[in-house]
Amino acid sequence: MPAPESARAAVLYGPGDLRIEDRALRPLGPDDVLVTVDAVGVCGSDMHYFAQGRNGQNVLRQPTVLGHEAAGVITAKGSAVPLAVGTRVAVEPAVGCGTCPTCRSGRYNLCPVGTCFGSPPTDGTFAEHIVAAGRAVHPLPDAIPLEAGALIEPLAVAVWAVQRAGVEFGDRVLVTGAGPIGVLVMQVARAAGATEVIVTDVNDARLAQALALGASAVINTAGQAPDLTGIDRLLECSAHPAALWQGLRTLRPAGRAIVVGQAPPSVDGLPLAHLQRWEIELSTAFRSAHAFPTAIALAAEGRVDLAGVLTGRFPLDLAADALRAPGADPAHLKVVVRPGDAPA
C-alpha cells in the first residue's frame, strides 16, 4: 500500500488559533519511516506557542503543526531502514544534520542547522501520520504501552539533565519545579543513585504528585526560600530565575547546578561572587543526546513511573483543549493527544 500523501493535523496559525486540517507529508525517502502516531505529549513549549505565538526566541512565522513528543507504529519505510513495518517506536524529534562538526562530535542536540519536530517552521507530530528519519525512531519493548511511549522524549530530556549534573551515588539533589520534567528528573536522579531528592514548587497538588512518585521530601516555596544546605546537585526545572538563585544558595562548596527549564533570554541577579567563592558550577541542558535508549530502559524496567505522570488524554480534534488543560488545572502533569481517537 502506498504511503499517504497527507494527514489530518493540528496546525497553529497564531496565538489561540489552532485548526484541524489535512497537511501534506513529505515523500518517503530511502532513509525515512512513516509513523502512524498513537500519542503525542503536550510540552510547555507547545503551550507557549499556542498562547503567545512564540517559545523563547523562536517565533511562529507561518502555520505550523505543533508537537514533538510522539510514539506510534511504523507503517511504511524506505529501502535503507532496517526496522520492520509494524515496529512500535518512540520518535526522537531533533537529531541534527549529521554532518557538521557538532553532530560529528556526538552533540547533535546542539546542531546549528538542525530541525526539530514542532519547532516552527518545522511541522510537528500532532498528526495522524508523520515522516521521520529512520535514525530518529527507537523501538519500544512490549513493557511500554504506546501511550507511555510518548513520554520517552521528556524522559530522555531528564536523563540528559541528570547526566549533565553528574549525579552520583549518595548525592543529595534539589529539583526546583514539580512539573512533568521536574518529576521525571526527580525519578531519574533516584535511579542514578541519589539517596535524597527534594522537590520544590508553589503548587501543593503537584508537590503531592512528586511525593507519590518518589520524592524524598517536598517543599512549598511560596513566599520563602528553601531552608536547605549541603545540597550536592541542583536541577532547575521551573524556568523561574528566583528558583535558581534560591537553589544556588543551598549547594555545598563545589556543588553543581544545571538549568533545565526554558530560560528567559536574559536574567538579572546572578550571584556571581557567591558562585566564585565556593566554586559552584552553573551549566545548562538542552534537549538530549544519545539518551533515548537509557530512557526506554528505565521505563521498561519500572525504574521510572511514566503512567503516574500521565494525567489526561484528548483526541486530535480537541488538541486546543489539550494545550489549555495544564494551565486550566495545575494538578495536571502530562496530557497527551491521541490522533487515532474519536471525539467523545
Protein backbone atom coordinates (compact mmCIF):
# COMPACT_ATOMS: atom_id res chain seq x y z
CA MET A 1 0.00 0.00 0.00
CA PRO A 2 1.48 3.41 -0.94
CA ALA A 3 2.25 5.85 1.85
CA PRO A 4 -0.36 8.59 2.31
CA GLU A 5 0.44 11.98 0.84
CA SER A 6 -1.28 13.92 3.64
CA ALA A 7 -2.54 13.52 7.19
CA ARG A 8 -5.01 15.26 9.48
CA ALA A 9 -3.06 17.50 11.81
CA ALA A 10 -3.42 20.31 14.37
CA VAL A 11 -1.99 23.42 12.69
CA LEU A 12 -1.24 26.61 14.62
CA TYR A 13 -1.94 29.80 12.64
CA GLY A 14 -1.46 32.24 15.51
CA PRO A 15 -1.99 32.60 19.25
CA GLY A 16 -5.08 30.58 20.17
CA ASP A 17 -5.79 29.77 16.50
CA LEU A 18 -5.37 26.00 16.12
CA ARG A 19 -7.07 24.36 13.13
CA ILE A 20 -7.55 20.70 12.28
CA GLU A 21 -6.83 20.22 8.59
CA ASP A 22 -5.09 17.99 6.09
CA ARG A 23 -1.38 18.66 5.92
CA ALA A 24 0.91 17.41 3.15
CA LEU A 25 3.55 14.84 4.12
CA ARG A 26 6.98 14.95 2.57
CA PRO A 27 7.73 11.99 0.27
CA LEU A 28 9.18 8.92 1.94
CA GLY A 29 12.91 8.68 1.18
CA PRO A 30 15.12 5.58 1.42
CA ASP A 31 16.23 6.51 4.95
CA ASP A 32 12.77 7.50 6.21
CA VAL A 33 9.88 5.84 8.00
CA LEU A 34 6.18 6.63 8.04
CA VAL A 35 4.88 6.52 11.61
CA THR A 36 1.18 6.24 12.37
CA VAL A 37 1.02 8.31 15.53
CA ASP A 38 -0.63 6.81 18.61
CA ALA A 39 0.05 9.53 21.20
CA VAL A 40 1.79 12.90 21.47
CA GLY A 41 2.69 14.58 24.75
CA VAL A 42 1.84 18.24 25.28
CA CYS A 43 5.00 20.13 26.24
CA GLY A 44 5.35 23.55 27.82
CA SER A 45 6.85 24.77 24.55
CA ASP A 46 3.65 23.77 22.71
CA MET A 47 1.64 25.70 25.28
CA HIS A 48 3.81 28.79 24.79
CA TYR A 49 3.40 28.67 21.01
CA PHE A 50 -0.35 28.24 21.38
CA ALA A 51 -0.77 31.05 23.91
CA GLN A 52 1.78 33.56 22.63
CA GLY A 53 2.89 32.52 19.14
CA ARG A 54 6.44 32.05 20.35
CA ASN A 55 8.61 29.96 22.66
CA GLY A 56 11.63 31.83 23.95
CA GLN A 57 13.45 33.25 20.95
CA ASN A 58 11.66 31.07 18.38
CA VAL A 59 8.65 32.79 16.81
CA LEU A 60 5.75 31.36 14.78
CA ARG A 61 6.01 32.94 11.33
CA GLN A 62 3.82 30.59 9.29
CA PRO A 63 1.17 27.94 10.01
CA THR A 64 2.93 25.04 11.73
CA VAL A 65 1.89 21.68 13.17
CA LEU A 66 2.76 21.56 16.88
CA GLY A 67 4.01 18.61 18.95
CA HIS A 68 7.31 16.79 19.33
CA GLU A 69 6.78 14.04 21.95
CA ALA A 70 5.46 11.17 19.84
CA ALA A 71 5.12 7.41 19.76
CA GLY A 72 3.47 5.20 17.18
CA VAL A 73 3.91 2.34 14.74
CA ILE A 74 6.00 2.18 11.58
CA THR A 75 3.53 1.61 8.74
CA ALA A 76 5.89 2.19 5.79
CA LYS A 77 9.65 2.50 5.40
CA GLY A 78 12.36 3.39 2.98
CA SER A 79 14.58 0.73 1.45
CA ALA A 80 17.61 1.60 3.65
CA VAL A 81 15.80 1.38 7.01
CA PRO A 82 16.48 -1.89 8.88
CA LEU A 83 13.42 -1.68 11.15
CA ALA A 84 10.37 -3.68 10.11
CA VAL A 85 6.94 -2.35 9.32
CA GLY A 86 4.84 -2.85 12.45
CA THR A 87 7.63 -1.85 14.85
CA ARG A 88 6.42 0.24 17.78
CA VAL A 89 8.64 3.28 18.21
CA ALA A 90 9.29 6.46 20.17
CA VAL A 91 10.28 9.37 17.95
CA GLU A 92 13.34 11.49 18.71
CA PRO A 93 12.30 14.93 17.45
CA ALA A 94 15.72 16.53 16.83
CA VAL A 95 18.73 14.59 15.58
CA GLY A 96 20.74 17.26 13.79
CA CYS A 97 22.09 17.34 10.26
CA GLY A 98 24.55 14.53 10.98
CA THR A 99 27.43 16.07 9.04
CA CYS A 100 28.52 19.28 10.80
CA PRO A 101 31.39 19.27 13.33
CA THR A 102 28.92 19.50 16.24
CA CYS A 103 26.98 16.44 15.08
CA ARG A 104 30.16 14.51 14.33
CA SER A 105 31.33 15.21 17.88
CA GLY A 106 28.19 13.47 19.16
CA ARG A 107 26.42 16.62 20.38
CA TYR A 108 23.71 16.55 17.73
CA ASN A 109 21.30 18.23 20.18
CA LEU A 110 23.30 21.41 19.57
CA CYS A 111 23.40 21.21 15.76
CA PRO A 112 23.42 24.80 14.44
CA VAL A 113 21.37 23.89 11.34
CA GLY A 114 19.26 21.03 12.67
CA THR A 115 15.48 20.97 12.83
CA CYS A 116 13.06 19.72 15.45
CA PHE A 117 9.52 18.45 15.05
CA GLY A 118 7.06 21.12 16.18
CA SER A 119 9.64 23.91 16.36
CA PRO A 120 8.47 26.46 13.75
CA PRO A 121 8.75 26.34 10.83
CA THR A 122 9.18 22.53 11.05
CA ASP A 123 5.87 20.70 11.24
CA GLY A 124 5.41 18.55 14.33
CA THR A 125 3.65 15.41 15.46
CA PHE A 126 0.08 16.46 16.36
CA ALA A 127 -0.95 14.47 13.29
CA GLU A 128 -2.29 11.07 12.27
CA HIS A 129 0.94 10.27 10.39
CA ILE A 130 4.44 11.72 10.25
CA VAL A 131 7.53 11.04 8.15
CA ALA A 132 10.69 10.78 10.24
CA ALA A 133 14.31 9.86 9.63
CA GLY A 134 14.89 6.17 10.33
CA ARG A 135 17.75 7.08 12.67
CA ALA A 136 15.33 9.17 14.75
CA VAL A 137 13.00 6.37 15.83
CA HIS A 138 13.66 3.98 18.72
CA PRO A 139 11.93 0.60 19.10
CA LEU A 140 9.76 0.25 22.18
CA PRO A 141 9.66 -3.02 24.14
CA ASP A 142 6.27 -4.56 24.87
CA ALA A 143 6.59 -3.45 28.50
CA ILE A 144 5.99 0.17 27.43
CA PRO A 145 2.48 0.97 26.14
CA LEU A 146 2.45 3.28 23.14
CA GLU A 147 0.67 5.96 25.13
CA ALA A 148 3.51 5.94 27.67
CA GLY A 149 5.96 5.88 24.77
CA ALA A 150 5.01 9.47 24.06
CA LEU A 151 6.71 10.35 27.36
CA ILE A 152 10.05 8.85 26.36
CA GLU A 153 11.13 12.18 24.84
CA PRO A 154 10.69 14.21 28.07
CA LEU A 155 12.20 11.30 29.99
CA ALA A 156 15.24 11.48 27.69
CA VAL A 157 15.48 15.20 28.49
CA ALA A 158 15.50 14.27 32.18
CA VAL A 159 18.17 11.61 31.62
CA TRP A 160 20.38 14.10 29.78
CA ALA A 161 19.93 16.72 32.51
CA VAL A 162 20.86 14.27 35.26
CA GLN A 163 23.89 13.13 33.27
CA ARG A 164 24.91 16.77 32.76
CA ALA A 165 24.55 17.32 36.51
CA GLY A 166 26.83 14.36 37.23
CA VAL A 167 24.52 12.89 39.88
CA GLU A 168 26.34 10.13 41.78
CA PHE A 169 25.57 7.50 44.41
CA GLY A 170 24.84 9.12 47.75
CA ASP A 171 24.15 12.59 46.37
CA ARG A 172 21.61 14.96 47.87
CA VAL A 173 19.70 16.53 44.99
CA LEU A 174 17.35 19.50 44.85
CA VAL A 175 14.86 19.72 41.96
CA THR A 176 13.14 23.09 41.64
CA GLY A 177 9.83 22.77 39.82
CA ALA A 178 7.34 19.89 40.09
CA GLY A 179 6.07 19.97 36.53
CA PRO A 180 6.42 16.99 34.16
CA ILE A 181 10.15 17.48 33.60
CA GLY A 182 10.78 18.08 37.30
CA VAL A 183 9.10 14.86 38.42
CA LEU A 184 10.88 12.90 35.69
CA VAL A 185 14.23 14.45 36.67
CA MET A 186 13.48 13.51 40.28
CA GLN A 187 12.86 9.87 39.33
CA VAL A 188 15.95 9.68 37.12
CA ALA A 189 18.11 11.18 39.87
CA ARG A 190 16.88 8.47 42.23
CA ALA A 191 17.65 5.82 39.60
CA ALA A 192 21.15 7.32 39.20
CA GLY A 193 21.91 6.73 42.87
CA ALA A 194 20.88 9.89 44.69
CA THR A 195 19.86 8.97 48.23
CA GLU A 196 17.82 12.13 48.79
CA VAL A 197 15.88 14.08 46.17
CA ILE A 198 13.94 17.10 47.40
CA VAL A 199 11.42 18.81 45.11
CA THR A 200 10.20 22.40 45.48
CA ASP A 201 7.28 24.18 43.87
CA VAL A 202 4.50 26.61 44.79
CA ASN A 203 1.69 24.20 43.84
CA ASP A 204 0.62 21.76 46.55
CA ALA A 205 -1.15 19.42 44.12
CA ARG A 206 1.98 18.96 42.03
CA LEU A 207 4.12 18.57 45.14
CA ALA A 208 1.79 15.80 46.32
CA GLN A 209 2.24 14.05 42.97
CA ALA A 210 6.03 14.40 43.23
CA LEU A 211 5.94 12.84 46.68
CA ALA A 212 3.76 9.97 45.41
CA LEU A 213 6.21 9.37 42.56
CA GLY A 214 9.23 9.02 44.85
CA ALA A 215 10.49 12.37 46.07
CA SER A 216 12.24 12.13 49.44
CA ALA A 217 10.60 15.37 50.55
CA VAL A 218 8.74 18.30 49.04
CA ILE A 219 8.75 21.98 50.00
CA ASN A 220 6.26 24.69 49.03
CA THR A 221 8.45 27.76 48.49
CA ALA A 222 5.64 30.28 48.01
CA GLY A 223 6.96 33.43 49.63
CA GLN A 224 10.08 31.82 51.09
CA ALA A 225 13.39 30.31 50.04
CA PRO A 226 14.05 26.63 50.81
CA ASP A 227 15.79 26.22 54.18
CA LEU A 228 18.40 23.73 52.93
CA THR A 229 22.19 23.41 52.97
CA GLY A 230 24.69 20.83 51.79
CA ILE A 231 22.95 20.00 48.50
CA ASP A 232 25.28 18.29 46.01
CA ARG A 233 23.33 18.88 42.79
CA LEU A 234 20.64 21.37 41.80
CA LEU A 235 18.44 20.77 38.76
CA GLU A 236 16.34 23.85 37.97
CA CYS A 237 13.16 22.82 36.13
CA SER A 238 10.76 25.67 36.89
CA ALA A 239 12.09 28.31 34.45
CA HIS A 240 11.79 30.93 37.20
CA PRO A 241 15.05 32.83 37.88
CA ALA A 242 14.20 33.27 41.56
CA ALA A 243 14.07 29.48 41.99
CA LEU A 244 17.55 29.19 40.50
CA TRP A 245 19.02 31.96 42.66
CA GLN A 246 17.45 30.43 45.79
CA GLY A 247 18.60 26.94 44.84
CA LEU A 248 22.18 28.05 44.27
CA ARG A 249 22.36 29.12 47.92
CA THR A 250 21.59 25.55 49.04
CA LEU A 251 24.59 24.00 47.27
CA ARG A 252 27.65 22.79 49.12
CA PRO A 253 31.07 24.12 48.13
CA ALA A 254 31.98 22.78 44.66
CA GLY A 255 28.35 21.81 44.03
CA ARG A 256 26.82 21.89 40.58
CA ALA A 257 23.64 23.43 39.16
CA ILE A 258 22.02 22.62 35.81
CA VAL A 259 19.36 24.82 34.21
CA VAL A 260 16.81 22.50 32.59
CA GLY A 261 13.64 24.63 32.31
CA GLN A 262 13.21 27.03 29.38
CA ALA A 263 15.33 30.02 30.39
CA PRO A 264 14.28 33.60 29.60
CA PRO A 265 16.56 35.46 27.14
CA SER A 266 18.37 37.21 29.99
CA VAL A 267 18.06 37.45 33.75
CA ASP A 268 19.34 39.74 36.46
CA GLY A 269 20.52 38.76 39.91
CA LEU A 270 23.13 36.09 39.20
CA PRO A 271 25.07 35.69 42.48
CA LEU A 272 28.40 35.54 40.69
CA ALA A 273 30.54 36.33 43.73
CA HIS A 274 28.86 33.51 45.67
CA LEU A 275 29.50 31.07 42.81
CA GLN A 276 33.12 32.12 42.59
CA ARG A 277 33.74 31.98 46.35
CA TRP A 278 32.52 28.39 46.58
CA GLU A 279 33.49 27.26 43.06
CA ILE A 280 29.93 26.30 42.30
CA GLU A 281 29.43 25.17 38.71
CA LEU A 282 26.46 26.59 36.81
CA SER A 283 25.65 24.96 33.48
CA THR A 284 22.71 24.13 31.23
CA ALA A 285 20.98 21.27 29.43
CA PHE A 286 19.26 21.50 26.03
CA ARG A 287 17.07 18.69 24.69
CA SER A 288 19.11 15.46 24.83
CA ALA A 289 21.74 13.44 23.03
CA HIS A 290 22.03 9.64 23.00
CA ALA A 291 19.57 9.49 25.91
CA PHE A 292 16.62 7.67 24.33
CA PRO A 293 18.00 4.13 24.89
CA THR A 294 18.59 4.85 28.58
CA ALA A 295 15.15 6.43 28.93
CA ILE A 296 13.50 3.42 27.31
CA ALA A 297 15.42 1.01 29.56
CA LEU A 298 14.48 2.92 32.72
CA ALA A 299 10.81 2.89 31.75
CA ALA A 300 10.81 -0.77 30.66
CA GLU A 301 12.42 -1.87 33.92
CA GLY A 302 9.93 0.13 36.00
CA ARG A 303 12.60 2.38 37.48
CA VAL A 304 10.66 5.40 36.26
CA ASP A 305 6.87 5.57 36.53
CA LEU A 306 5.53 7.09 33.31
CA ALA A 307 1.90 6.15 33.92
CA GLY A 308 1.93 8.19 37.13
CA VAL A 309 2.96 11.30 35.18
CA LEU A 310 0.17 10.95 32.60
CA THR A 311 -2.94 12.82 33.75
CA GLY A 312 -5.10 13.48 30.67
CA ARG A 313 -5.97 12.31 27.14
CA PHE A 314 -7.51 14.23 24.25
CA PRO A 315 -8.40 13.30 20.64
CA LEU A 316 -6.80 15.29 17.83
CA ASP A 317 -9.99 17.29 17.27
CA LEU A 318 -9.66 18.60 20.85
CA ALA A 319 -5.93 19.39 20.65
CA ALA A 320 -6.64 23.01 21.62
CA ASP A 321 -8.27 21.77 24.83
CA ALA A 322 -5.20 19.63 25.50
CA LEU A 323 -3.00 22.71 25.15
CA ARG A 324 -5.17 24.64 27.61
CA ALA A 325 -5.60 21.81 30.12
CA PRO A 326 -2.40 22.12 32.20
CA GLY A 327 -2.92 25.86 32.63
CA ALA A 328 -6.58 25.45 33.49
CA ASP A 329 -5.91 22.68 36.02
CA PRO A 330 -2.48 22.93 37.66
CA ALA A 331 -2.92 19.40 39.04
CA HIS A 332 -2.23 18.14 35.51
CA LEU A 333 1.28 16.91 34.88
CA LYS A 334 1.38 15.48 31.36
CA VAL A 335 -1.52 15.29 28.93
CA VAL A 336 -1.40 13.55 25.57
CA VAL A 337 -3.13 13.99 22.24
CA ARG A 338 -4.35 10.71 20.68
CA PRO A 339 -4.69 11.31 16.90
CA GLY A 340 -6.47 7.99 16.35
CA ASP A 341 -9.14 8.58 18.99
CA ALA A 342 -12.60 9.82 18.04
CA PRO A 343 -14.05 12.79 19.96
CA ALA A 344 -16.16 11.69 22.94
